[in-house]
Amino acid sequence: MTGAPDPWRIVPAGLALRIRLTPKASRDAVEGVEMTADGPALKARVRALPEDGAANAAALRLLAEWLGVAKSAVTLAAGGKSRIKTLAIEGHGPDLAAAAAERLAALGQAKESRHG
């Protein structure tokens, strides 16, 4: 991800993270970063259906697990009915940003080892 903008920004309460959510997927996963019309977003897939907030709830659980934070630390800040969402992650912003960057780097290495 070198040189590309990050899909998050540090805010006073922690981290604001943009995701592009795909519901009804075959598995729950974070798959990297995608450029959208509004800038970069983390690509996330969940098995849940986009009904009654189930996909949003699954996304919150997925990102909490992916970042290694408590489920209660991740909330939906914007985009409840959109594919592009902003999540608010409570905590120490620089530490959360470092954790997200580390996990994204690990995703890139995993993809390279599968294709290389």
PDB file of N, CA and C in Angstrom:
ATOM      1  N   MET A   1       0.803  -1.194   0.000  1.00  0.00           N
ATOM      2  CA  MET A   1       0.000   0.000   0.000  1.00  0.00           C
ATOM      3  C   MET A   1       0.843   1.254   0.000  1.00  0.00           C
ATOM      4  N   THR A   2       2.095   1.123  -0.228  1.00  0.00           N
ATOM      5  CA  THR A   2       2.980   2.267  -0.188  1.00  0.00           C
ATOM      6  C   THR A   2       2.573   3.304  -1.209  1.00  0.00           C
ATOM      7  N   GLY A   3       2.575   4.566  -0.781  1.00  0.00           N
ATOM      8  CA  GLY A   3       2.237   5.646  -1.665  1.00  0.00           C
ATOM      9  C   GLY A   3       0.745   5.911  -1.794  1.00  0.00           C
ATOM     10  N   ALA A   4      -0.076   4.948  -1.545  1.00  0.00           N
ATOM     11  CA  ALA A   4      -1.519   5.128  -1.657  1.00  0.00           C
ATOM     12  C   ALA A   4      -2.066   5.724  -0.360  1.00  0.00           C
ATOM     13  N   PRO A   5      -3.111   6.542  -0.464  1.00  0.00           N
ATOM     14  CA  PRO A   5      -3.706   7.086   0.759  1.00  0.00           C
ATOM     15  C   PRO A   5      -4.389   5.977   1.559  1.00  0.00           C
ATOM     16  N   ASP A   6      -4.433   6.183   2.859  1.00  0.00           N
ATOM     17  CA  ASP A   6      -5.053   5.196   3.740  1.00  0.00           C
ATOM     18  C   ASP A   6      -6.561   5.425   3.820  1.00  0.00           C
ATOM     19  N   PRO A   7      -7.338   4.358   4.049  1.00  0.00           N
ATOM     20  CA  PRO A   7      -8.789   4.506   4.165  1.00  0.00           C
ATOM     21  C   PRO A   7      -9.239   4.926   5.571  1.00  0.00           C
ATOM     22  N   TRP A   8      -8.340   5.452   6.351  1.00  0.00           N
ATOM     23  CA  TRP A   8      -8.684   5.894   7.706  1.00  0.00           C
ATOM     24  C   TRP A   8      -8.033   7.233   7.978  1.00  0.00           C
ATOM     25  N   ARG A   9      -8.551   7.872   9.026  1.00  0.00           N
ATOM     26  CA  ARG A   9      -7.929   9.089   9.529  1.00  0.00           C
ATOM     27  C   ARG A   9      -8.030   9.073  11.050  1.00  0.00           C
ATOM     28  N   ILE A  10      -7.003   9.608  11.661  1.00  0.00           N
ATOM     29  CA  ILE A  10      -6.980   9.694  13.115  1.00  0.00           C
ATOM     30  C   ILE A  10      -7.867  10.859  13.532  1.00  0.00           C
ATOM     31  N   VAL A  11      -8.743  10.586  14.489  1.00  0.00           N
ATOM     32  CA  VAL A  11      -9.654  11.601  15.025  1.00  0.00           C
ATOM     33  C   VAL A  11      -9.457  11.636  16.539  1.00  0.00           C
ATOM     34  N   PRO A  12      -9.966  12.679  17.215  1.00  0.00           N
ATOM     35  CA  PRO A  12      -9.749  12.778  18.667  1.00  0.00           C
ATOM     36  C   PRO A  12     -10.173  11.528  19.459  1.00  0.00           C
ATOM     37  N   ALA A  13     -11.255  10.871  19.053  1.00  0.00           N
ATOM     38  CA  ALA A  13     -11.741   9.704  19.814  1.00  0.00           C
ATOM     39  C   ALA A  13     -11.076   8.394  19.381  1.00  0.00           C
ATOM     40  N   GLY A  14     -10.274   8.432  18.302  1.00  0.00           N
ATOM     41  CA  GLY A  14      -9.645   7.194  17.842  1.00  0.00           C
ATOM     42  C   GLY A  14      -9.368   7.209  16.355  1.00  0.00           C
ATOM     43  N   LEU A  15     -10.184   6.449  15.611  1.00  0.00           N
ATOM     44  CA  LEU A  15      -9.957   6.296  14.180  1.00  0.00           C
ATOM     45  C   LEU A  15     -11.289   6.322  13.437  1.00  0.00           C
ATOM     46  N   ALA A  16     -11.333   7.017  12.322  1.00  0.00           N
ATOM     47  CA  ALA A  16     -12.485   6.974  11.411  1.00  0.00           C
ATOM     48  C   ALA A  16     -12.033   6.140  10.226  1.00  0.00           C
ATOM     49  N   LEU A  17     -12.727   5.057   9.952  1.00  0.00           N
ATOM     50  CA  LEU A  17     -12.325   4.093   8.937  1.00  0.00           C
ATOM     51  C   LEU A  17     -13.425   3.948   7.901  1.00  0.00           C
ATOM     52  N   ARG A  18     -13.072   4.141   6.627  1.00  0.00           N
ATOM     53  CA  ARG A  18     -14.040   3.974   5.538  1.00  0.00           C
ATOM     54  C   ARG A  18     -13.956   2.550   5.028  1.00  0.00           C
ATOM     55  N   ILE A  19     -15.110   1.929   4.843  1.00  0.00           N
ATOM     56  CA  ILE A  19     -15.153   0.584   4.277  1.00  0.00           C
ATOM     57  C   ILE A  19     -16.142   0.543   3.119  1.00  0.00           C
ATOM     58  N   ARG A  20     -15.899  -0.372   2.202  1.00  0.00           N
ATOM     59  CA  ARG A  20     -16.868  -0.692   1.143  1.00  0.00           C
ATOM     60  C   ARG A  20     -17.346  -2.097   1.465  1.00  0.00           C
ATOM     61  N   LEU A  21     -18.583  -2.207   1.859  1.00  0.00           N
ATOM     62  CA  LEU A  21     -19.133  -3.465   2.351  1.00  0.00           C
ATOM     63  C   LEU A  21     -19.895  -4.217   1.270  1.00  0.00           C
ATOM     64  N   THR A  22     -19.577  -5.497   1.141  1.00  0.00           N
ATOM     65  CA  THR A  22     -20.310  -6.382   0.246  1.00  0.00           C
ATOM     66  C   THR A  22     -21.028  -7.422   1.095  1.00  0.00           C
ATOM     67  N   PRO A  23     -22.367  -7.342   1.192  1.00  0.00           N
ATOM     68  CA  PRO A  23     -23.115  -8.353   1.943  1.00  0.00           C
ATOM     69  C   PRO A  23     -23.348  -9.592   1.086  1.00  0.00           C
ATOM     70  N   LYS A  24     -23.910 -10.614   1.670  1.00  0.00           N
ATOM     71  CA  LYS A  24     -24.253 -11.876   0.996  1.00  0.00           C
ATOM     72  C   LYS A  24     -23.029 -12.536   0.354  1.00  0.00           C
ATOM     73  N   ALA A  25     -21.882 -12.400   0.984  1.00  0.00           N
ATOM     74  CA  ALA A  25     -20.656 -13.004   0.463  1.00  0.00           C
ATOM     75  C   ALA A  25     -20.539 -14.442   0.959  1.00  0.00           C
ATOM     76  N   SER A  26     -19.580 -15.169   0.427  1.00  0.00           N
ATOM     77  CA  SER A  26     -19.391 -16.560   0.839  1.00  0.00           C
ATOM     78  C   SER A  26     -18.667 -16.668   2.176  1.00  0.00           C
ATOM     79  N   ARG A  27     -18.003 -15.571   2.591  1.00  0.00           N
ATOM     80  CA  ARG A  27     -17.295 -15.579   3.876  1.00  0.00           C
ATOM     81  C   ARG A  27     -17.150 -14.156   4.388  1.00  0.00           C
ATOM     82  N   ASP A  28     -16.852 -14.041   5.668  1.00  0.00           N
ATOM     83  CA  ASP A  28     -16.566 -12.741   6.266  1.00  0.00           C
ATOM     84  C   ASP A  28     -15.065 -12.497   6.124  1.00  0.00           C
ATOM     85  N   ALA A  29     -14.687 -11.373   5.521  1.00  0.00           N
ATOM     86  CA  ALA A  29     -13.265 -11.110   5.317  1.00  0.00           C
ATOM     87  C   ALA A  29     -13.006  -9.649   4.994  1.00  0.00           C
ATOM     88  N   VAL A  30     -11.809  -9.209   5.365  1.00  0.00           N
ATOM     89  CA  VAL A  30     -11.275  -7.927   4.921  1.00  0.00           C
ATOM     90  C   VAL A  30     -10.286  -8.289   3.817  1.00  0.00           C
ATOM     91  N   GLU A  31     -10.418  -7.625   2.662  1.00  0.00           N
ATOM     92  CA  GLU A  31      -9.645  -8.057   1.497  1.00  0.00           C
ATOM     93  C   GLU A  31      -8.704  -7.016   0.914  1.00  0.00           C
ATOM     94  N   GLY A  32      -8.470  -5.926   1.609  1.00  0.00           N
ATOM     95  CA  GLY A  32      -7.555  -4.922   1.089  1.00  0.00           C
ATOM     96  C   GLY A  32      -8.222  -3.577   0.947  1.00  0.00           C
ATOM     97  N   VAL A  33      -7.661  -2.745   0.073  1.00  0.00           N
ATOM     98  CA  VAL A  33      -8.156  -1.384  -0.119  1.00  0.00           C
ATOM     99  C   VAL A  33      -8.610  -1.215  -1.559  1.00  0.00           C
ATOM    100  N   GLU A  34      -9.682  -0.490  -1.727  1.00  0.00           N
ATOM    101  CA  GLU A  34     -10.251  -0.211  -3.052  1.00  0.00           C
ATOM    102  C   GLU A  34     -10.436   1.295  -3.179  1.00  0.00           C
ATOM    103  N   MET A  35     -10.145   1.841  -4.353  1.00  0.00           N
ATOM    104  CA  MET A  35     -10.410   3.261  -4.584  1.00  0.00           C
ATOM    105  C   MET A  35     -11.876   3.426  -4.965  1.00  0.00           C
ATOM    106  N   THR A  36     -12.541   4.348  -4.312  1.00  0.00           N
ATOM    107  CA  THR A  36     -13.932   4.667  -4.621  1.00  0.00           C
ATOM    108  C   THR A  36     -13.987   6.111  -5.111  1.00  0.00           C
ATOM    109  N   ALA A  37     -15.135   6.559  -5.521  1.00  0.00           N
ATOM    110  CA  ALA A  37     -15.290   7.944  -5.990  1.00  0.00           C
ATOM    111  C   ALA A  37     -14.917   8.941  -4.894  1.00  0.00           C
ATOM    112  N   ASP A  38     -15.085   8.553  -3.642  1.00  0.00           N
ATOM    113  CA  ASP A  38     -14.790   9.451  -2.520  1.00  0.00           C
ATOM    114  C   ASP A  38     -13.435   9.195  -1.889  1.00  0.00           C
ATOM    115  N   GLY A  39     -12.628   8.334  -2.491  1.00  0.00           N
ATOM    116  CA  GLY A  39     -11.311   8.036  -1.941  1.00  0.00           C
ATOM    117  C   GLY A  39     -11.191   6.575  -1.555  1.00  0.00           C
ATOM    118  N   PRO A  40     -10.118   6.222  -0.876  1.00  0.00           N
ATOM    119  CA  PRO A  40      -9.880   4.819  -0.546  1.00  0.00           C
ATOM    120  C   PRO A  40     -10.835   4.294   0.519  1.00  0.00           C
ATOM    121  N   ALA A  41     -11.161   3.018   0.397  1.00  0.00           N
ATOM    122  CA  ALA A  41     -12.007   2.350   1.388  1.00  0.00           C
ATOM    123  C   ALA A  41     -11.500   0.919   1.555  1.00  0.00           C
ATOM    124  N   LEU A  42     -11.588   0.421   2.758  1.00  0.00           N
ATOM    125  CA  LEU A  42     -11.228  -0.964   3.042  1.00  0.00           C
ATOM    126  C   LEU A  42     -12.315  -1.862   2.458  1.00  0.00           C
ATOM    127  N   LYS A  43     -11.920  -2.881   1.698  1.00  0.00           N
ATOM    128  CA  LYS A  43     -12.904  -3.817   1.131  1.00  0.00           C
ATOM    129  C   LYS A  43     -13.237  -4.857   2.191  1.00  0.00           C
ATOM    130  N   ALA A  44     -14.506  -4.971   2.516  1.00  0.00           N
ATOM    131  CA  ALA A  44     -14.954  -5.941   3.516  1.00  0.00           C
ATOM    132  C   ALA A  44     -16.149  -6.708   2.960  1.00  0.00           C
ATOM    133  N   ARG A  45     -16.171  -8.005   3.255  1.00  0.00           N
ATOM    134  CA  ARG A  45     -17.281  -8.868   2.834  1.00  0.00           C
ATOM    135  C   ARG A  45     -17.854  -9.548   4.070  1.00  0.00           C
ATOM    136  N   VAL A  46     -19.179  -9.670   4.089  1.00  0.00           N
ATOM    137  CA  VAL A  46     -19.835 -10.391   5.182  1.00  0.00           C
ATOM    138  C   VAL A  46     -20.889 -11.323   4.600  1.00  0.00           C
ATOM    139  N   ARG A  47     -21.154 -12.399   5.313  1.00  0.00           N
ATOM    140  CA  ARG A  47     -22.173 -13.360   4.866  1.00  0.00           C
ATOM    141  C   ARG A  47     -23.580 -12.851   5.105  1.00  0.00           C
ATOM    142  N   ALA A  48     -23.741 -11.943   6.050  1.00  0.00           N
ATOM    143  CA  ALA A  48     -25.068 -11.456   6.438  1.00  0.00           C
ATOM    144  C   ALA A  48     -25.782 -10.756   5.283  1.00  0.00           C
ATOM    145  N   LEU A  49     -27.100 -10.822   5.332  1.00  0.00           N
ATOM    146  CA  LEU A  49     -27.946 -10.143   4.349  1.00  0.00           C
ATOM    147  C   LEU A  49     -28.089  -8.672   4.723  1.00  0.00           C
ATOM    148  N   PRO A  50     -28.305  -7.800   3.736  1.00  0.00           N
ATOM    149  CA  PRO A  50     -28.481  -6.381   4.037  1.00  0.00           C
ATOM    150  C   PRO A  50     -29.916  -6.071   4.475  1.00  0.00           C
ATOM    151  N   GLU A  51     -30.377  -6.772   5.479  1.00  0.00           N
ATOM    152  CA  GLU A  51     -31.737  -6.588   5.992  1.00  0.00           C
ATOM    153  C   GLU A  51     -31.700  -6.348   7.489  1.00  0.00           C
ATOM    154  N   ASP A  52     -32.483  -5.398   7.935  1.00  0.00           N
ATOM    155  CA  ASP A  52     -32.624  -5.089   9.359  1.00  0.00           C
ATOM    156  C   ASP A  52     -31.287  -4.817  10.039  1.00  0.00           C
ATOM    157  N   GLY A  53     -30.325  -4.269   9.303  1.00  0.00           N
ATOM    158  CA  GLY A  53     -29.035  -3.922   9.887  1.00  0.00           C
ATOM    159  C   GLY A  53     -28.107  -5.098  10.121  1.00  0.00           C
ATOM    160  N   ALA A  54     -28.455  -6.278   9.634  1.00  0.00           N
ATOM    161  CA  ALA A  54     -27.636  -7.473   9.886  1.00  0.00           C
ATOM    162  C   ALA A  54     -26.250  -7.346   9.261  1.00  0.00           C
ATOM    163  N   ALA A  55     -26.162  -6.835   8.037  1.00  0.00           N
ATOM    164  CA  ALA A  55     -24.858  -6.694   7.388  1.00  0.00           C
ATOM    165  C   ALA A  55     -24.006  -5.648   8.108  1.00  0.00           C
ATOM    166  N   ASN A  56     -24.631  -4.562   8.548  1.00  0.00           N
ATOM    167  CA  ASN A  56     -23.887  -3.544   9.298  1.00  0.00           C
ATOM    168  C   ASN A  56     -23.343  -4.122  10.594  1.00  0.00           C
ATOM    169  N   ALA A  57     -24.161  -4.862  11.314  1.00  0.00           N
ATOM    170  CA  ALA A  57     -23.715  -5.472  12.577  1.00  0.00           C
ATOM    171  C   ALA A  57     -22.575  -6.451  12.323  1.00  0.00           C
ATOM    172  N   ALA A  58     -22.679  -7.228  11.249  1.00  0.00           N
ATOM    173  CA  ALA A  58     -21.614  -8.176  10.910  1.00  0.00           C
ATOM    174  C   ALA A  58     -20.326  -7.430  10.562  1.00  0.00           C
ATOM    175  N   ALA A  59     -20.450  -6.305   9.882  1.00  0.00           N
ATOM    176  CA  ALA A  59     -19.271  -5.500   9.533  1.00  0.00           C
ATOM    177  C   ALA A  59     -18.590  -4.963  10.786  1.00  0.00           C
ATOM    178  N   LEU A  60     -19.377  -4.505  11.751  1.00  0.00           N
ATOM    179  CA  LEU A  60     -18.804  -3.994  13.000  1.00  0.00           C
ATOM    180  C   LEU A  60     -18.040  -5.102  13.730  1.00  0.00           C
ATOM    181  N   ARG A  61     -18.645  -6.302  13.785  1.00  0.00           N
ATOM    182  CA  ARG A  61     -17.966  -7.441  14.431  1.00  0.00           C
ATOM    183  C   ARG A  61     -16.677  -7.804  13.698  1.00  0.00           C
ATOM    184  N   LEU A  62     -16.753  -7.858  12.368  1.00  0.00           N
ATOM    185  CA  LEU A  62     -15.596  -8.216  11.554  1.00  0.00           C
ATOM    186  C   LEU A  62     -14.437  -7.241  11.772  1.00  0.00           C
ATOM    187  N   LEU A  63     -14.732  -5.941  11.725  1.00  0.00           N
ATOM    188  CA  LEU A  63     -13.665  -4.955  11.881  1.00  0.00           C
ATOM    189  C   LEU A  63     -13.107  -4.918  13.296  1.00  0.00           C
ATOM    190  N   ALA A  64     -13.951  -5.153  14.294  1.00  0.00           N
ATOM    191  CA  ALA A  64     -13.449  -5.226  15.666  1.00  0.00           C
ATOM    192  C   ALA A  64     -12.466  -6.388  15.796  1.00  0.00           C
ATOM    193  N   GLU A  65     -12.838  -7.519  15.252  1.00  0.00           N
ATOM    194  CA  GLU A  65     -11.959  -8.692  15.308  1.00  0.00           C
ATOM    195  C   GLU A  65     -10.684  -8.441  14.513  1.00  0.00           C
ATOM    196  N   TRP A  66     -10.816  -7.866  13.331  1.00  0.00           N
ATOM    197  CA  TRP A  66      -9.673  -7.616  12.457  1.00  0.00           C
ATOM    198  C   TRP A  66      -8.667  -6.677  13.109  1.00  0.00           C
ATOM    199  N   LEU A  67      -9.166  -5.654  13.832  1.00  0.00           N
ATOM    200  CA  LEU A  67      -8.283  -4.694  14.489  1.00  0.00           C
ATOM    201  C   LEU A  67      -7.872  -5.123  15.893  1.00  0.00           C
ATOM    202  N   GLY A  68      -8.520  -6.164  16.414  1.00  0.00           N
ATOM    203  CA  GLY A  68      -8.182  -6.627  17.757  1.00  0.00           C
ATOM    204  C   GLY A  68      -8.685  -5.710  18.857  1.00  0.00           C
ATOM    205  N   VAL A  69      -9.863  -5.123  18.639  1.00  0.00           N
ATOM    206  CA  VAL A  69     -10.460  -4.256  19.652  1.00  0.00           C
ATOM    207  C   VAL A  69     -11.792  -4.849  20.097  1.00  0.00           C
ATOM    208  N   ALA A  70     -12.321  -4.346  21.192  1.00  0.00           N
ATOM    209  CA  ALA A  70     -13.613  -4.808  21.691  1.00  0.00           C
ATOM    210  C   ALA A  70     -14.710  -4.434  20.697  1.00  0.00           C
ATOM    211  N   LYS A  71     -15.719  -5.280  20.585  1.00  0.00           N
ATOM    212  CA  LYS A  71     -16.846  -5.004  19.683  1.00  0.00           C
ATOM    213  C   LYS A  71     -17.504  -3.672  20.020  1.00  0.00           C
ATOM    214  N   SER A  72     -17.540  -3.346  21.298  1.00  0.00           N
ATOM    215  CA  SER A  72     -18.181  -2.098  21.718  1.00  0.00           C
ATOM    216  C   SER A  72     -17.392  -0.861  21.293  1.00  0.00           C
ATOM    217  N   ALA A  73     -16.135  -1.027  20.869  1.00  0.00           N
ATOM    218  CA  ALA A  73     -15.309   0.104  20.450  1.00  0.00           C
ATOM    219  C   ALA A  73     -15.587   0.515  19.008  1.00  0.00           C
ATOM    220  N   VAL A  74     -16.324  -0.301  18.255  1.00  0.00           N
ATOM    221  CA  VAL A  74     -16.573  -0.025  16.836  1.00  0.00           C
ATOM    222  C   VAL A  74     -18.051   0.308  16.634  1.00  0.00           C
ATOM    223  N   THR A  75     -18.304   1.490  16.082  1.00  0.00           N
ATOM    224  CA  THR A  75     -19.679   1.909  15.814  1.00  0.00           C
ATOM    225  C   THR A  75     -19.789   2.438  14.389  1.00  0.00           C
ATOM    226  N   LEU A  76     -21.003   2.437  13.873  1.00  0.00           N
ATOM    227  CA  LEU A  76     -21.275   2.959  12.539  1.00  0.00           C
ATOM    228  C   LEU A  76     -21.473   4.465  12.647  1.00  0.00           C
ATOM    229  N   ALA A  77     -20.608   5.235  11.997  1.00  0.00           N
ATOM    230  CA  ALA A  77     -20.689   6.692  12.066  1.00  0.00           C
ATOM    231  C   ALA A  77     -21.478   7.275  10.900  1.00  0.00           C
ATOM    232  N   ALA A  78     -21.409   6.621   9.728  1.00  0.00           N
ATOM    233  CA  ALA A  78     -22.118   7.132   8.544  1.00  0.00           C
ATOM    234  C   ALA A  78     -22.285   6.012   7.533  1.00  0.00           C
ATOM    235  N   GLY A  79     -23.309   6.131   6.700  1.00  0.00           N
ATOM    236  CA  GLY A  79     -23.497   5.189   5.601  1.00  0.00           C
ATOM    237  C   GLY A  79     -24.318   3.968   5.939  1.00  0.00           C
ATOM    238  N   GLY A  80     -25.248   4.074   6.843  1.00  0.00           N
ATOM    239  CA  GLY A  80     -26.051   2.938   7.274  1.00  0.00           C
ATOM    240  C   GLY A  80     -26.725   2.177   6.140  1.00  0.00           C
ATOM    241  N   LYS A  81     -27.141   2.867   5.090  1.00  0.00           N
ATOM    242  CA  LYS A  81     -27.840   2.205   3.987  1.00  0.00           C
ATOM    243  C   LYS A  81     -27.012   2.227   2.702  1.00  0.00           C
ATOM    244  N   SER A  82     -25.754   2.546   2.820  1.00  0.00           N
ATOM    245  CA  SER A  82     -24.864   2.638   1.666  1.00  0.00           C
ATOM    246  C   SER A  82     -23.809   1.535   1.710  1.00  0.00           C
ATOM    247  N   ARG A  83     -23.217   1.217   0.572  1.00  0.00           N
ATOM    248  CA  ARG A  83     -22.110   0.254   0.550  1.00  0.00           C
ATOM    249  C   ARG A  83     -20.859   0.863   1.184  1.00  0.00           C
ATOM    250  N   ILE A  84     -20.692   2.184   1.019  1.00  0.00           N
ATOM    251  CA  ILE A  84     -19.553   2.882   1.597  1.00  0.00           C
ATOM    252  C   ILE A  84     -19.980   3.393   2.971  1.00  0.00           C
ATOM    253  N   LYS A  85     -19.248   2.956   3.988  1.00  0.00           N
ATOM    254  CA  LYS A  85     -19.596   3.298   5.366  1.00  0.00           C
ATOM    255  C   LYS A  85     -18.391   3.896   6.067  1.00  0.00           C
ATOM    256  N   THR A  86     -18.643   4.687   7.065  1.00  0.00           N
ATOM    257  CA  THR A  86     -17.576   5.180   7.930  1.00  0.00           C
ATOM    258  C   THR A  86     -17.807   4.588   9.309  1.00  0.00           C
ATOM    259  N   LEU A  87     -16.784   3.905   9.810  1.00  0.00           N
ATOM    260  CA  LEU A  87     -16.849   3.327  11.140  1.00  0.00           C
ATOM    261  C   LEU A  87     -16.007   4.178  12.084  1.00  0.00           C
ATOM    262  N   ALA A  88     -16.475   4.334  13.301  1.00  0.00           N
ATOM    263  CA  ALA A  88     -15.722   5.027  14.337  1.00  0.00           C
ATOM    264  C   ALA A  88     -15.154   3.959  15.265  1.00  0.00           C
ATOM    265  N   ILE A  89     -13.839   3.979  15.443  1.00  0.00           N
ATOM    266  CA  ILE A  89     -13.189   3.016  16.323  1.00  0.00           C
ATOM    267  C   ILE A  89     -12.583   3.794  17.473  1.00  0.00           C
ATOM    268  N   GLU A  90     -13.074   3.515  18.676  1.00  0.00           N
ATOM    269  CA  GLU A  90     -12.592   4.223  19.860  1.00  0.00           C
ATOM    270  C   GLU A  90     -11.265   3.653  20.306  1.00  0.00           C
ATOM    271  N   GLY A  91     -10.385   4.550  20.717  1.00  0.00           N
ATOM    272  CA  GLY A  91      -9.087   4.129  21.228  1.00  0.00           C
ATOM    273  C   GLY A  91      -8.032   5.163  20.896  1.00  0.00           C
ATOM    274  N   HIS A  92      -6.781   4.756  21.005  1.00  0.00           N
ATOM    275  CA  HIS A  92      -5.656   5.631  20.703  1.00  0.00           C
ATOM    276  C   HIS A  92      -5.426   5.601  19.193  1.00  0.00           C
ATOM    277  N   GLY A  93      -5.759   6.695  18.521  1.00  0.00           N
ATOM    278  CA  GLY A  93      -5.732   6.774  17.071  1.00  0.00           C
ATOM    279  C   GLY A  93      -4.445   6.293  16.418  1.00  0.00           C
ATOM    280  N   PRO A  94      -3.276   6.788  16.849  1.00  0.00           N
ATOM    281  CA  PRO A  94      -2.035   6.332  16.212  1.00  0.00           C
ATOM    282  C   PRO A  94      -1.799   4.828  16.349  1.00  0.00           C
ATOM    283  N   ASP A  95      -2.154   4.252  17.486  1.00  0.00           N
ATOM    284  CA  ASP A  95      -2.000   2.803  17.667  1.00  0.00           C
ATOM    285  C   ASP A  95      -2.968   2.036  16.767  1.00  0.00           C
ATOM    286  N   LEU A  96      -4.197   2.522  16.655  1.00  0.00           N
ATOM    287  CA  LEU A  96      -5.187   1.874  15.785  1.00  0.00           C
ATOM    288  C   LEU A  96      -4.764   1.964  14.321  1.00  0.00           C
ATOM    289  N   ALA A  97      -4.239   3.127  13.907  1.00  0.00           N
ATOM    290  CA  ALA A  97      -3.771   3.296  12.534  1.00  0.00           C
ATOM    291  C   ALA A  97      -2.609   2.356  12.246  1.00  0.00           C
ATOM    292  N   ALA A  98      -1.700   2.222  13.203  1.00  0.00           N
ATOM    293  CA  ALA A  98      -0.561   1.309  13.028  1.00  0.00           C
ATOM    294  C   ALA A  98      -1.041  -0.133  12.917  1.00  0.00           C
ATOM    295  N   ALA A  99      -2.016  -0.506  13.739  1.00  0.00           N
ATOM    296  CA  ALA A  99      -2.551  -1.873  13.685  1.00  0.00           C
ATOM    297  C   ALA A  99      -3.220  -2.134  12.342  1.00  0.00           C
ATOM    298  N   ALA A 100      -3.980  -1.167  11.847  1.00  0.00           N
ATOM    299  CA  ALA A 100      -4.649  -1.330  10.555  1.00  0.00           C
ATOM    300  C   ALA A 100      -3.619  -1.448   9.431  1.00  0.00           C
ATOM    301  N   ALA A 101      -2.577  -0.618   9.461  1.00  0.00           N
ATOM    302  CA  ALA A 101      -1.537  -0.669   8.435  1.00  0.00           C
ATOM    303  C   ALA A 101      -0.813  -2.014   8.462  1.00  0.00           C
ATOM    304  N   GLU A 102      -0.550  -2.514   9.663  1.00  0.00           N
ATOM    305  CA  GLU A 102       0.124  -3.806   9.808  1.00  0.00           C
ATOM    306  C   GLU A 102      -0.728  -4.939   9.247  1.00  0.00           C
ATOM    307  N   ARG A 103      -2.010  -4.918   9.524  1.00  0.00           N
ATOM    308  CA  ARG A 103      -2.900  -5.974   9.023  1.00  0.00           C
ATOM    309  C   ARG A 103      -3.064  -5.893   7.504  1.00  0.00           C
ATOM    310  N   LEU A 104      -3.096  -4.666   6.966  1.00  0.00           N
ATOM    311  CA  LEU A 104      -3.175  -4.514   5.515  1.00  0.00           C
ATOM    312  C   LEU A 104      -1.897  -5.036   4.857  1.00  0.00           C
ATOM    313  N   ALA A 105      -0.767  -4.748   5.457  1.00  0.00           N
ATOM    314  CA  ALA A 105       0.501  -5.243   4.917  1.00  0.00           C
ATOM    315  C   ALA A 105       0.517  -6.764   4.930  1.00  0.00           C
ATOM    316  N   ALA A 106       0.000  -7.363   5.999  1.00  0.00           N
ATOM    317  CA  ALA A 106      -0.059  -8.826   6.084  1.00  0.00           C
ATOM    318  C   ALA A 106      -0.973  -9.396   5.007  1.00  0.00           C
ATOM    319  N   LEU A 107      -2.071  -8.694   4.704  1.00  0.00           N
ATOM    320  CA  LEU A 107      -2.966  -9.136   3.629  1.00  0.00           C
ATOM    321  C   LEU A 107      -2.230  -9.136   2.295  1.00  0.00           C
ATOM    322  N   GLY A 108      -1.453  -8.097   2.040  1.00  0.00           N
ATOM    323  CA  GLY A 108      -0.697  -8.002   0.798  1.00  0.00           C
ATOM    324  C   GLY A 108       0.308  -9.122   0.670  1.00  0.00           C
ATOM    325  N   GLN A 109       0.985  -9.470   1.776  1.00  0.00           N
ATOM    326  CA  GLN A 109       1.961 -10.553   1.756  1.00  0.00           C
ATOM    327  C   GLN A 109       1.272 -11.884   1.519  1.00  0.00           C
ATOM    328  N   ALA A 110       0.110 -12.077   2.112  1.00  0.00           N
ATOM    329  CA  ALA A 110      -0.615 -13.329   1.932  1.00  0.00           C
ATOM    330  C   ALA A 110      -1.036 -13.498   0.472  1.00  0.00           C
ATOM    331  N   LYS A 111      -1.486 -12.401  -0.157  1.00  0.00           N
ATOM    332  CA  LYS A 111      -1.881 -12.460  -1.564  1.00  0.00           C
ATOM    333  C   LYS A 111      -0.681 -12.760  -2.451  1.00  0.00           C
ATOM    334  N   GLU A 112       0.476 -12.134  -2.147  1.00  0.00           N
ATOM    335  CA  GLU A 112       1.663 -12.376  -2.944  1.00  0.00           C
ATOM    336  C   GLU A 112       2.112 -13.830  -2.847  1.00  0.00           C
ATOM    337  N   SER A 113       2.026 -14.411  -1.667  1.00  0.00           N
ATOM    338  CA  SER A 113       2.482 -15.798  -1.516  1.00  0.00           C
ATOM    339  C   SER A 113       1.543 -16.770  -2.235  1.00  0.00           C
ATOM    340  N   ARG A 114       0.273 -16.425  -2.345  1.00  0.00           N
ATOM    341  CA  ARG A 114      -0.668 -17.277  -3.078  1.00  0.00           C
ATOM    342  C   ARG A 114      -0.451 -17.190  -4.581  1.00  0.00           C
ATOM    343  N   HIS A 115      -0.065 -15.991  -5.042  1.00  0.00           N
ATOM    344  CA  HIS A 115       0.102 -15.794  -6.485  1.00  0.00           C
ATOM    345  C   HIS A 115       1.532 -16.000  -6.947  1.00  0.00           C
ATOM    346  N   GLY A 116       2.474 -16.037  -6.002  1.00  0.00           N
ATOM    347  CA  GLY A 116       3.882 -16.117  -6.388  1.00  0.00           C
ATOM    348  C   GLY A 116       4.399 -17.453  -6.226  1.00  0.00           C
TER     349      GLY A 116
END
